[in-house]
Every structure is written in C-alpha cells, then in structure tokens.
Amino acid sequence: MNDKIKHIQEVKSVDTATFEQLFTDHYDALYRYCQTMVKDQNDIEDIVQSVFMDLWHDRSKLVIHTSIKAYLYKAVYFKCMNKIKHDKVASKYSNAISISESTAVTDTLIIQEIADKIKETIESLPEQCLNILYGEWTDLGIMK
C-alpha cells in the first residue's frame, strides 16, 4: 500500500526520471493488455503512449483513488473502447459511401446504355422520320 501512495506522489511531481521508470515498468504489460482488445499494432502503440501522455500532462491535477497500475489499466481499457467505437462508426460510414459510389457508377452506366440505345434507335429510323423528328426538336428548341 505504501508503494501505491509513493508512485502516485511521484507521478504528481515533475521528476522525469521517475516518470520514465513508471513508463518502462508498465509499458509492455499495458501493450499486451491493449492487444487483447485492439488488433492493429500502430493503434495499440498509440493508445498506450496516449495514456502515458495524458498522465504526464494531467499529473498535477490528477486524483487517483486506486493504485497507479489500476489507473493505467483502466485508462488503456477506456481508450481501447473508444477506438473500437470509433472504428465501428468509421466502418459504417465507409460502407455507406462505397455503396453510394457503387450505385452512382451503376446508375451512370445504365444511363449511358439507355442513351446509346436511344441514339441507335433514332439513327435506324427512315430518313423521312428523321427529318420530321429533327424538325420537331428544332421547333421545340431541343436542337438548333
């Protein structure tokens, strides 16, 4: 119990050597713990490093009611949960965008196919029909 209080007091101080030792003592275990929830190595490194960065930046106003070890594990857990939620939302919107893009491409191809068939059909009309058709379009302002 005395160890816990000592570590909490040391984290609040500006002693970088003590903080580096805390980092060294806990980084590997926190990395492995994070690995059980998040699979991407870069994300795992970012999460664990982020926990220590937050701890360093907030150390002067930090109030820890448990051991520093418990605090670090809880912080990693919450950051992992936030990452997982973020990835789900990003995936959902990414899928929606890819479906939308796919639909747009399909729509464009269908429109082009219809336009080609209309053009082909018009070109196959007898010359007199074409003259009437083009005349009507000119009168309506569609063709000039």
N, C-alpha and C. Protein backbone atom coordinates (compact mmCIF):
# COMPACT_ATOMS: atom_id res chain seq x y z
N MET A 1 0.83 -1.20 0.00
CA MET A 1 0.00 0.00 0.00
C MET A 1 0.87 1.26 0.00
N ASN A 2 1.95 1.22 0.74
CA ASN A 2 2.87 2.35 0.79
C ASN A 2 3.46 2.63 -0.59
N ASP A 3 3.73 1.54 -1.36
CA ASP A 3 4.24 1.67 -2.72
C ASP A 3 3.27 2.46 -3.60
N LYS A 4 1.96 2.17 -3.50
CA LYS A 4 0.96 2.84 -4.30
C LYS A 4 0.97 4.34 -4.04
N ILE A 5 0.98 4.71 -2.79
CA ILE A 5 0.99 6.13 -2.44
C ILE A 5 2.26 6.79 -2.96
N LYS A 6 3.37 6.11 -2.84
CA LYS A 6 4.65 6.64 -3.31
C LYS A 6 4.60 6.93 -4.81
N HIS A 7 4.08 5.97 -5.59
CA HIS A 7 4.01 6.16 -7.03
C HIS A 7 3.09 7.30 -7.42
N ILE A 8 1.95 7.42 -6.73
CA ILE A 8 1.01 8.50 -7.04
C ILE A 8 1.66 9.84 -6.76
N GLN A 9 2.35 9.96 -5.65
CA GLN A 9 3.02 11.22 -5.32
C GLN A 9 4.14 11.51 -6.32
N GLU A 10 4.83 10.48 -6.78
CA GLU A 10 5.91 10.69 -7.74
C GLU A 10 5.37 11.12 -9.10
N VAL A 11 4.21 10.58 -9.48
CA VAL A 11 3.62 10.98 -10.76
C VAL A 11 3.25 12.45 -10.73
N LYS A 12 2.80 12.93 -9.59
CA LYS A 12 2.40 14.33 -9.47
C LYS A 12 3.61 15.27 -9.49
N SER A 13 4.77 14.77 -9.15
CA SER A 13 5.96 15.63 -9.17
C SER A 13 6.44 15.78 -10.61
N VAL A 14 7.40 16.63 -10.81
CA VAL A 14 7.93 16.90 -12.15
C VAL A 14 9.18 16.08 -12.46
N ASP A 15 9.42 15.07 -11.68
CA ASP A 15 10.60 14.24 -11.84
C ASP A 15 10.45 13.34 -13.07
N THR A 16 11.13 13.70 -14.14
CA THR A 16 11.01 12.94 -15.38
C THR A 16 11.62 11.55 -15.28
N ALA A 17 12.65 11.41 -14.48
CA ALA A 17 13.30 10.11 -14.33
C ALA A 17 12.33 9.10 -13.72
N THR A 18 11.57 9.52 -12.73
CA THR A 18 10.59 8.64 -12.09
C THR A 18 9.49 8.28 -13.09
N PHE A 19 9.07 9.27 -13.87
CA PHE A 19 8.02 9.02 -14.86
C PHE A 19 8.53 8.04 -15.93
N GLU A 20 9.75 8.22 -16.36
CA GLU A 20 10.33 7.29 -17.34
C GLU A 20 10.39 5.87 -16.77
N GLN A 21 10.70 5.75 -15.50
CA GLN A 21 10.74 4.43 -14.86
C GLN A 21 9.33 3.83 -14.80
N LEU A 22 8.35 4.65 -14.50
CA LEU A 22 6.96 4.20 -14.49
C LEU A 22 6.57 3.69 -15.88
N PHE A 23 6.96 4.44 -16.90
CA PHE A 23 6.70 4.05 -18.29
C PHE A 23 7.36 2.71 -18.59
N THR A 24 8.62 2.58 -18.26
CA THR A 24 9.37 1.36 -18.52
C THR A 24 8.77 0.16 -17.78
N ASP A 25 8.36 0.38 -16.54
CA ASP A 25 7.81 -0.71 -15.72
C ASP A 25 6.47 -1.21 -16.24
N HIS A 26 5.67 -0.35 -16.84
CA HIS A 26 4.30 -0.73 -17.18
C HIS A 26 3.99 -0.83 -18.67
N TYR A 27 4.85 -0.30 -19.53
CA TYR A 27 4.53 -0.23 -20.95
C TYR A 27 4.23 -1.61 -21.56
N ASP A 28 5.11 -2.57 -21.37
CA ASP A 28 4.94 -3.89 -22.00
C ASP A 28 3.65 -4.58 -21.56
N ALA A 29 3.37 -4.54 -20.28
CA ALA A 29 2.15 -5.19 -19.77
C ALA A 29 0.90 -4.49 -20.31
N LEU A 30 0.93 -3.16 -20.37
CA LEU A 30 -0.22 -2.41 -20.90
C LEU A 30 -0.38 -2.67 -22.40
N TYR A 31 0.73 -2.80 -23.09
CA TYR A 31 0.71 -3.11 -24.53
C TYR A 31 0.01 -4.46 -24.74
N ARG A 32 0.42 -5.47 -23.99
CA ARG A 32 -0.20 -6.80 -24.11
C ARG A 32 -1.68 -6.77 -23.76
N TYR A 33 -2.03 -6.01 -22.73
CA TYR A 33 -3.43 -5.88 -22.34
C TYR A 33 -4.24 -5.23 -23.46
N CYS A 34 -3.70 -4.20 -24.02
CA CYS A 34 -4.37 -3.49 -25.12
C CYS A 34 -4.53 -4.41 -26.33
N GLN A 35 -3.55 -5.26 -26.55
CA GLN A 35 -3.56 -6.21 -27.67
C GLN A 35 -4.74 -7.18 -27.59
N THR A 36 -5.27 -7.40 -26.41
CA THR A 36 -6.41 -8.31 -26.28
C THR A 36 -7.70 -7.68 -26.81
N MET A 37 -7.69 -6.36 -26.98
CA MET A 37 -8.90 -5.65 -27.44
C MET A 37 -8.74 -5.04 -28.83
N VAL A 38 -7.55 -4.57 -29.14
CA VAL A 38 -7.28 -3.89 -30.41
C VAL A 38 -6.23 -4.70 -31.15
N LYS A 39 -6.43 -4.88 -32.44
CA LYS A 39 -5.52 -5.77 -33.19
C LYS A 39 -4.42 -5.04 -33.95
N ASP A 40 -4.63 -3.82 -34.33
CA ASP A 40 -3.64 -3.09 -35.13
C ASP A 40 -2.49 -2.61 -34.24
N GLN A 41 -1.27 -2.98 -34.61
CA GLN A 41 -0.09 -2.67 -33.80
C GLN A 41 0.10 -1.17 -33.62
N ASN A 42 -0.10 -0.40 -34.68
CA ASN A 42 0.06 1.06 -34.58
C ASN A 42 -0.97 1.66 -33.62
N ASP A 43 -2.20 1.17 -33.69
CA ASP A 43 -3.24 1.65 -32.78
C ASP A 43 -2.90 1.31 -31.33
N ILE A 44 -2.38 0.12 -31.12
CA ILE A 44 -2.01 -0.30 -29.77
C ILE A 44 -0.93 0.63 -29.21
N GLU A 45 0.10 0.87 -30.00
CA GLU A 45 1.18 1.76 -29.57
C GLU A 45 0.63 3.16 -29.28
N ASP A 46 -0.23 3.65 -30.17
CA ASP A 46 -0.82 4.98 -29.97
C ASP A 46 -1.62 5.06 -28.68
N ILE A 47 -2.41 4.02 -28.42
CA ILE A 47 -3.25 4.02 -27.22
C ILE A 47 -2.40 4.04 -25.95
N VAL A 48 -1.45 3.13 -25.88
CA VAL A 48 -0.63 3.05 -24.67
C VAL A 48 0.19 4.32 -24.49
N GLN A 49 0.77 4.82 -25.54
CA GLN A 49 1.54 6.06 -25.44
C GLN A 49 0.64 7.23 -25.05
N SER A 50 -0.57 7.23 -25.59
CA SER A 50 -1.52 8.29 -25.27
C SER A 50 -1.89 8.29 -23.79
N VAL A 51 -2.03 7.11 -23.22
CA VAL A 51 -2.33 7.02 -21.78
C VAL A 51 -1.20 7.66 -20.97
N PHE A 52 0.03 7.36 -21.33
CA PHE A 52 1.15 7.95 -20.60
C PHE A 52 1.26 9.46 -20.86
N MET A 53 0.97 9.88 -22.08
CA MET A 53 0.99 11.32 -22.39
C MET A 53 -0.06 12.05 -21.55
N ASP A 54 -1.26 11.49 -21.49
CA ASP A 54 -2.33 12.11 -20.69
C ASP A 54 -1.92 12.16 -19.22
N LEU A 55 -1.34 11.08 -18.75
CA LEU A 55 -0.89 11.02 -17.36
C LEU A 55 0.14 12.11 -17.09
N TRP A 56 1.07 12.28 -18.01
CA TRP A 56 2.12 13.28 -17.84
C TRP A 56 1.53 14.69 -17.85
N HIS A 57 0.66 14.96 -18.80
CA HIS A 57 0.08 16.31 -18.93
C HIS A 57 -0.86 16.66 -17.77
N ASP A 58 -1.58 15.68 -17.26
CA ASP A 58 -2.57 15.93 -16.20
C ASP A 58 -2.06 15.59 -14.80
N ARG A 59 -0.78 15.30 -14.67
CA ARG A 59 -0.26 14.78 -13.40
C ARG A 59 -0.46 15.73 -12.23
N SER A 60 -0.43 17.02 -12.46
CA SER A 60 -0.55 17.96 -11.34
C SER A 60 -1.96 18.02 -10.77
N LYS A 61 -2.97 17.74 -11.58
CA LYS A 61 -4.35 17.81 -11.10
C LYS A 61 -4.98 16.43 -10.94
N LEU A 62 -4.17 15.40 -11.07
CA LEU A 62 -4.64 14.03 -11.01
C LEU A 62 -4.98 13.59 -9.60
N VAL A 63 -6.14 12.95 -9.47
CA VAL A 63 -6.53 12.36 -8.19
C VAL A 63 -6.81 10.88 -8.47
N ILE A 64 -5.98 10.02 -7.90
CA ILE A 64 -6.12 8.59 -8.11
C ILE A 64 -6.49 7.94 -6.79
N HIS A 65 -7.61 7.21 -6.79
CA HIS A 65 -8.07 6.56 -5.57
C HIS A 65 -7.66 5.09 -5.51
N THR A 66 -7.00 4.64 -6.56
CA THR A 66 -6.51 3.25 -6.60
C THR A 66 -5.01 3.30 -6.82
N SER A 67 -4.44 2.16 -7.13
CA SER A 67 -3.00 2.14 -7.43
C SER A 67 -2.78 2.75 -8.81
N ILE A 68 -1.57 3.19 -9.04
CA ILE A 68 -1.23 3.75 -10.35
C ILE A 68 -1.39 2.68 -11.43
N LYS A 69 -1.08 1.44 -11.08
CA LYS A 69 -1.22 0.33 -12.03
C LYS A 69 -2.69 0.16 -12.43
N ALA A 70 -3.58 0.16 -11.46
CA ALA A 70 -5.02 0.03 -11.76
C ALA A 70 -5.49 1.20 -12.61
N TYR A 71 -5.01 2.39 -12.29
CA TYR A 71 -5.37 3.58 -13.07
C TYR A 71 -4.94 3.42 -14.53
N LEU A 72 -3.71 2.97 -14.75
CA LEU A 72 -3.19 2.81 -16.11
C LEU A 72 -3.99 1.77 -16.90
N TYR A 73 -4.30 0.65 -16.26
CA TYR A 73 -5.08 -0.39 -16.94
C TYR A 73 -6.48 0.13 -17.30
N LYS A 74 -7.09 0.86 -16.39
CA LYS A 74 -8.43 1.40 -16.65
C LYS A 74 -8.37 2.42 -17.79
N ALA A 75 -7.34 3.24 -17.80
CA ALA A 75 -7.18 4.25 -18.85
C ALA A 75 -7.00 3.58 -20.22
N VAL A 76 -6.19 2.52 -20.25
CA VAL A 76 -5.99 1.78 -21.51
C VAL A 76 -7.32 1.16 -21.95
N TYR A 77 -8.05 0.58 -21.01
CA TYR A 77 -9.34 -0.04 -21.33
C TYR A 77 -10.28 0.98 -21.98
N PHE A 78 -10.42 2.15 -21.37
CA PHE A 78 -11.34 3.15 -21.91
C PHE A 78 -10.89 3.66 -23.28
N LYS A 79 -9.59 3.82 -23.46
CA LYS A 79 -9.10 4.26 -24.77
C LYS A 79 -9.33 3.18 -25.84
N CYS A 80 -9.19 1.93 -25.46
CA CYS A 80 -9.48 0.83 -26.39
C CYS A 80 -10.95 0.82 -26.77
N MET A 81 -11.82 1.00 -25.80
CA MET A 81 -13.27 1.01 -26.08
C MET A 81 -13.63 2.17 -27.00
N ASN A 82 -13.02 3.32 -26.77
CA ASN A 82 -13.27 4.48 -27.65
C ASN A 82 -12.77 4.20 -29.07
N LYS A 83 -11.63 3.56 -29.19
CA LYS A 83 -11.08 3.23 -30.51
C LYS A 83 -11.99 2.25 -31.23
N ILE A 84 -12.47 1.24 -30.52
CA ILE A 84 -13.36 0.25 -31.12
C ILE A 84 -14.65 0.92 -31.59
N LYS A 85 -15.23 1.80 -30.76
CA LYS A 85 -16.45 2.53 -31.15
C LYS A 85 -16.18 3.39 -32.38
N HIS A 86 -15.07 4.09 -32.36
CA HIS A 86 -14.72 4.96 -33.48
C HIS A 86 -14.58 4.15 -34.77
N ASP A 87 -13.91 3.01 -34.68
CA ASP A 87 -13.72 2.17 -35.86
C ASP A 87 -15.04 1.65 -36.40
N LYS A 88 -15.98 1.31 -35.51
CA LYS A 88 -17.30 0.84 -35.96
C LYS A 88 -18.04 1.94 -36.70
N VAL A 89 -18.01 3.14 -36.18
CA VAL A 89 -18.68 4.27 -36.83
C VAL A 89 -18.02 4.56 -38.18
N ALA A 90 -16.70 4.59 -38.19
CA ALA A 90 -15.98 4.86 -39.44
C ALA A 90 -16.28 3.78 -40.47
N SER A 91 -16.32 2.54 -40.05
CA SER A 91 -16.62 1.43 -40.96
C SER A 91 -18.03 1.55 -41.53
N LYS A 92 -18.97 1.90 -40.66
CA LYS A 92 -20.36 2.05 -41.09
C LYS A 92 -20.48 3.11 -42.18
N TYR A 93 -19.85 4.27 -41.95
CA TYR A 93 -19.92 5.34 -42.93
C TYR A 93 -19.11 5.02 -44.18
N SER A 94 -18.02 4.32 -44.03
CA SER A 94 -17.22 3.92 -45.18
C SER A 94 -18.02 2.98 -46.07
N ASN A 95 -18.73 2.03 -45.46
CA ASN A 95 -19.57 1.12 -46.23
C ASN A 95 -20.69 1.87 -46.93
N ALA A 96 -21.30 2.83 -46.25
CA ALA A 96 -22.38 3.62 -46.84
C ALA A 96 -21.87 4.41 -48.04
N ILE A 97 -20.67 4.97 -47.91
CA ILE A 97 -20.09 5.74 -49.01
C ILE A 97 -19.76 4.83 -50.19
N SER A 98 -19.18 3.66 -49.92
CA SER A 98 -18.82 2.77 -51.02
C SER A 98 -20.06 2.26 -51.73
N ILE A 99 -21.15 2.00 -50.99
CA ILE A 99 -22.40 1.58 -51.62
C ILE A 99 -22.94 2.71 -52.47
N SER A 100 -22.88 3.93 -51.95
CA SER A 100 -23.36 5.10 -52.68
C SER A 100 -22.55 5.31 -53.96
N GLU A 101 -21.23 5.18 -53.86
CA GLU A 101 -20.37 5.33 -55.03
C GLU A 101 -20.65 4.23 -56.05
N SER A 102 -20.83 3.02 -55.57
CA SER A 102 -21.13 1.90 -56.44
C SER A 102 -22.45 2.12 -57.17
N THR A 103 -23.44 2.62 -56.45
CA THR A 103 -24.75 2.90 -57.05
C THR A 103 -24.62 3.99 -58.10
N ALA A 104 -23.84 5.02 -57.81
CA ALA A 104 -23.66 6.12 -58.75
C ALA A 104 -23.00 5.63 -60.04
N VAL A 105 -22.00 4.77 -59.91
CA VAL A 105 -21.33 4.22 -61.09
C VAL A 105 -22.30 3.37 -61.90
N THR A 106 -23.08 2.54 -61.21
CA THR A 106 -24.07 1.69 -61.88
C THR A 106 -25.11 2.55 -62.57
N ASP A 107 -25.59 3.57 -61.89
CA ASP A 107 -26.58 4.48 -62.50
C ASP A 107 -26.02 5.14 -63.74
N THR A 108 -24.78 5.58 -63.69
CA THR A 108 -24.14 6.23 -64.84
C THR A 108 -24.04 5.26 -66.01
N LEU A 109 -23.67 4.02 -65.73
CA LEU A 109 -23.57 3.02 -66.80
C LEU A 109 -24.94 2.73 -67.42
N ILE A 110 -25.96 2.64 -66.59
CA ILE A 110 -27.31 2.38 -67.10
C ILE A 110 -27.78 3.55 -67.96
N ILE A 111 -27.57 4.77 -67.48
CA ILE A 111 -27.97 5.95 -68.25
C ILE A 111 -27.24 5.98 -69.59
N GLN A 112 -25.94 5.68 -69.59
CA GLN A 112 -25.17 5.67 -70.84
C GLN A 112 -25.70 4.60 -71.78
N GLU A 113 -26.03 3.44 -71.24
CA GLU A 113 -26.57 2.35 -72.05
C GLU A 113 -27.91 2.74 -72.67
N ILE A 114 -28.77 3.38 -71.90
CA ILE A 114 -30.07 3.83 -72.42
C ILE A 114 -29.87 4.88 -73.50
N ALA A 115 -28.97 5.83 -73.25
CA ALA A 115 -28.70 6.88 -74.23
C ALA A 115 -28.17 6.28 -75.54
N ASP A 116 -27.30 5.27 -75.44
CA ASP A 116 -26.78 4.61 -76.64
C ASP A 116 -27.89 3.91 -77.41
N LYS A 117 -28.80 3.25 -76.70
CA LYS A 117 -29.91 2.56 -77.36
C LYS A 117 -30.86 3.55 -78.03
N ILE A 118 -31.12 4.68 -77.38
CA ILE A 118 -31.99 5.70 -77.98
C ILE A 118 -31.34 6.23 -79.25
N LYS A 119 -30.04 6.54 -79.16
CA LYS A 119 -29.32 7.06 -80.32
C LYS A 119 -29.34 6.03 -81.45
N GLU A 120 -29.09 4.78 -81.13
CA GLU A 120 -29.09 3.70 -82.12
C GLU A 120 -30.47 3.57 -82.77
N THR A 121 -31.50 3.65 -81.96
CA THR A 121 -32.87 3.52 -82.47
C THR A 121 -33.22 4.70 -83.37
N ILE A 122 -32.85 5.90 -82.96
CA ILE A 122 -33.13 7.09 -83.77
C ILE A 122 -32.39 7.01 -85.10
N GLU A 123 -31.14 6.59 -85.08
CA GLU A 123 -30.34 6.50 -86.31
C GLU A 123 -30.87 5.43 -87.26
N SER A 124 -31.61 4.46 -86.73
CA SER A 124 -32.15 3.41 -87.59
C SER A 124 -33.48 3.80 -88.25
N LEU A 125 -34.02 4.98 -87.88
CA LEU A 125 -35.28 5.44 -88.47
C LEU A 125 -35.07 5.81 -89.95
N PRO A 126 -36.11 5.66 -90.74
CA PRO A 126 -36.01 6.11 -92.14
C PRO A 126 -35.75 7.62 -92.18
N GLU A 127 -35.21 8.07 -93.31
CA GLU A 127 -34.79 9.46 -93.45
C GLU A 127 -35.95 10.43 -93.25
N GLN A 128 -37.13 10.10 -93.76
CA GLN A 128 -38.28 11.00 -93.61
C GLN A 128 -38.67 11.14 -92.13
N CYS A 129 -38.60 10.06 -91.39
CA CYS A 129 -38.91 10.11 -89.95
C CYS A 129 -37.89 10.97 -89.22
N LEU A 130 -36.63 10.82 -89.64
CA LEU A 130 -35.57 11.62 -89.01
C LEU A 130 -35.80 13.10 -89.26
N ASN A 131 -36.19 13.45 -90.51
CA ASN A 131 -36.44 14.86 -90.85
C ASN A 131 -37.58 15.42 -90.00
N ILE A 132 -38.63 14.63 -89.83
CA ILE A 132 -39.77 15.07 -89.02
C ILE A 132 -39.33 15.22 -87.56
N LEU A 133 -38.62 14.22 -87.07
CA LEU A 133 -38.17 14.23 -85.68
C LEU A 133 -37.26 15.42 -85.41
N TYR A 134 -36.26 15.60 -86.26
CA TYR A 134 -35.34 16.71 -86.07
C TYR A 134 -36.05 18.05 -86.24
N GLY A 135 -37.02 18.09 -87.14
CA GLY A 135 -37.81 19.31 -87.33
C GLY A 135 -38.59 19.64 -86.07
N GLU A 136 -39.22 18.63 -85.46
CA GLU A 136 -39.96 18.84 -84.22
C GLU A 136 -39.02 19.31 -83.11
N TRP A 137 -37.87 18.69 -83.03
CA TRP A 137 -36.91 19.06 -81.97
C TRP A 137 -36.44 20.51 -82.16
N THR A 138 -36.25 20.90 -83.43
CA THR A 138 -35.83 22.27 -83.73
C THR A 138 -36.92 23.24 -83.32
N ASP A 139 -38.16 22.89 -83.66
CA ASP A 139 -39.29 23.76 -83.30
C ASP A 139 -39.44 23.90 -81.78
N LEU A 140 -39.17 22.81 -81.06
CA LEU A 140 -39.30 22.83 -79.61
C LEU A 140 -38.07 23.46 -78.92
N GLY A 141 -37.05 23.75 -79.71
CA GLY A 141 -35.85 24.33 -79.13
C GLY A 141 -34.88 23.31 -78.56
N ILE A 142 -35.13 22.01 -78.83
CA ILE A 142 -34.24 20.96 -78.33
C ILE A 142 -32.98 20.91 -79.18
N MET A 143 -33.13 21.10 -80.48
CA MET A 143 -31.97 21.09 -81.40
C MET A 143 -31.97 22.40 -82.14
N LYS A 144 -30.80 22.87 -82.44
CA LYS A 144 -30.68 24.10 -83.22
C LYS A 144 -29.83 23.87 -84.43
